[in-house]
C-alpha atoms as a PDB file:
ATOM      1  CA  MET A   1      -3.193  -6.133 -43.263  1.00  0.00           C
ATOM      2  CA  ASP A   2      -0.079  -5.764 -41.865  1.00  0.00           C
ATOM      3  CA  GLN A   3      -0.354  -4.320 -38.235  1.00  0.00           C
ATOM      4  CA  PHE A   4      -0.480  -6.850 -36.363  1.00  0.00           C
ATOM      5  CA  LYS A   5       1.787  -8.793 -37.875  1.00  0.00           C
ATOM      6  CA  ARG A   6       4.578 -10.054 -34.240  1.00  0.00           C
ATOM      7  CA  LYS A   7       8.403  -9.533 -34.510  1.00  0.00           C
ATOM      8  CA  PRO A   8      10.480 -12.243 -35.545  1.00  0.00           C
ATOM      9  CA  ARG A   9      12.390 -13.720 -32.887  1.00  0.00           C
ATOM     10  CA  ARG A  10      16.047 -12.357 -31.880  1.00  0.00           C
ATOM     11  CA  LYS A  11      18.441 -14.647 -31.749  1.00  0.00           C
ATOM     12  CA  SER A  12      20.115 -14.922 -28.138  1.00  0.00           C
ATOM     13  CA  GLU A  13      23.559 -13.531 -27.289  1.00  0.00           C
ATOM     14  CA  ARG A  14      26.099 -16.066 -26.468  1.00  0.00           C
ATOM     15  CA  GLY A  15      26.891 -15.959 -22.367  1.00  0.00           C
ATOM     16  CA  ARG A  16      29.997 -15.278 -21.961  1.00  0.00           C
ATOM     17  CA  THR A  17      32.450 -17.491 -19.656  1.00  0.00           C
ATOM     18  CA  LEU A  18      34.585 -14.942 -16.582  1.00  0.00           C
ATOM     19  CA  THR A  19      37.698 -16.790 -15.342  1.00  0.00           C
ATOM     20  CA  VAL A  20      39.187 -15.605 -11.967  1.00  0.00           C
ATOM     21  CA  SER A  21      41.383 -17.317  -9.495  1.00  0.00           C
ATOM     22  CA  ALA A  22      41.053 -19.297  -6.964  1.00  0.00           C
ATOM     23  CA  GLU A  23      41.328 -16.885  -4.292  1.00  0.00           C
ATOM     24  CA  GLN A  24      39.105 -14.308  -5.958  1.00  0.00           C
ATOM     25  CA  LYS A  25      36.404 -17.422  -6.478  1.00  0.00           C
ATOM     26  CA  ALA A  26      36.942 -18.467  -2.593  1.00  0.00           C
ATOM     27  CA  ALA A  27      35.587 -14.932  -1.705  1.00  0.00           C
ATOM     28  CA  TYR A  28      33.088 -14.755  -3.840  1.00  0.00           C
ATOM     29  CA  GLU A  29      31.816 -17.399  -2.712  1.00  0.00           C
ATOM     30  CA  ALA A  30      32.054 -16.518   1.249  1.00  0.00           C
ATOM     31  CA  LEU A  31      29.802 -13.466   0.109  1.00  0.00           C
ATOM     32  CA  LEU A  32      26.778 -15.431  -1.073  1.00  0.00           C
ATOM     33  CA  ARG A  33      26.867 -17.570   1.923  1.00  0.00           C
ATOM     34  CA  GLU A  34      26.878 -14.762   4.253  1.00  0.00           C
ATOM     35  CA  LYS A  35      23.966 -12.954   2.576  1.00  0.00           C
ATOM     36  CA  GLU A  36      22.529 -16.489   2.966  1.00  0.00           C
ATOM     37  CA  SER A  37      22.969 -16.657   6.069  1.00  0.00           C
ATOM     38  CA  ARG A  38      21.907 -13.210   6.623  1.00  0.00           C
ATOM     39  CA  GLU A  39      18.488 -13.518   4.503  1.00  0.00           C
ATOM     40  CA  ALA A  40      18.407 -16.617   7.064  1.00  0.00           C
ATOM     41  CA  TYR A  41      18.625 -14.948  10.014  1.00  0.00           C
ATOM     42  CA  THR A  42      15.772 -11.865   9.326  1.00  0.00           C
ATOM     43  CA  LYS A  43      13.752 -14.003   7.403  1.00  0.00           C
ATOM     44  CA  HIS A  44      12.422 -15.172  10.853  1.00  0.00           C
ATOM     45  CA  LEU A  45      12.229 -11.443  12.345  1.00  0.00           C
ATOM     46  CA  PRO A  46       8.962  -9.857  12.533  1.00  0.00           C
ATOM     47  CA  ALA A  47       8.352  -7.357   9.663  1.00  0.00           C
ATOM     48  CA  ASP A  48       8.090  -4.383  10.872  1.00  0.00           C
ATOM     49  CA  PRO A  49       4.692  -2.859  11.365  1.00  0.00           C
ATOM     50  CA  LYS A  50       4.044   0.206   8.986  1.00  0.00           C
ATOM     51  CA  LEU A  51       4.176   4.044  10.372  1.00  0.00           C
ATOM     52  CA  ARG A  52       2.087   6.168   8.203  1.00  0.00           C
END
């Protein structure tokens, strides 16, 4: 019975390389740092009580 045979694996696609300017790279790094600091801040806050 061919019903339960596995499908052959698909080849993974190659990752695309992206070229950005130095200003864009610096802005993206600043954005990531801001996001990390925001997450670190909210990690220590108590969870909101669930209202029913």
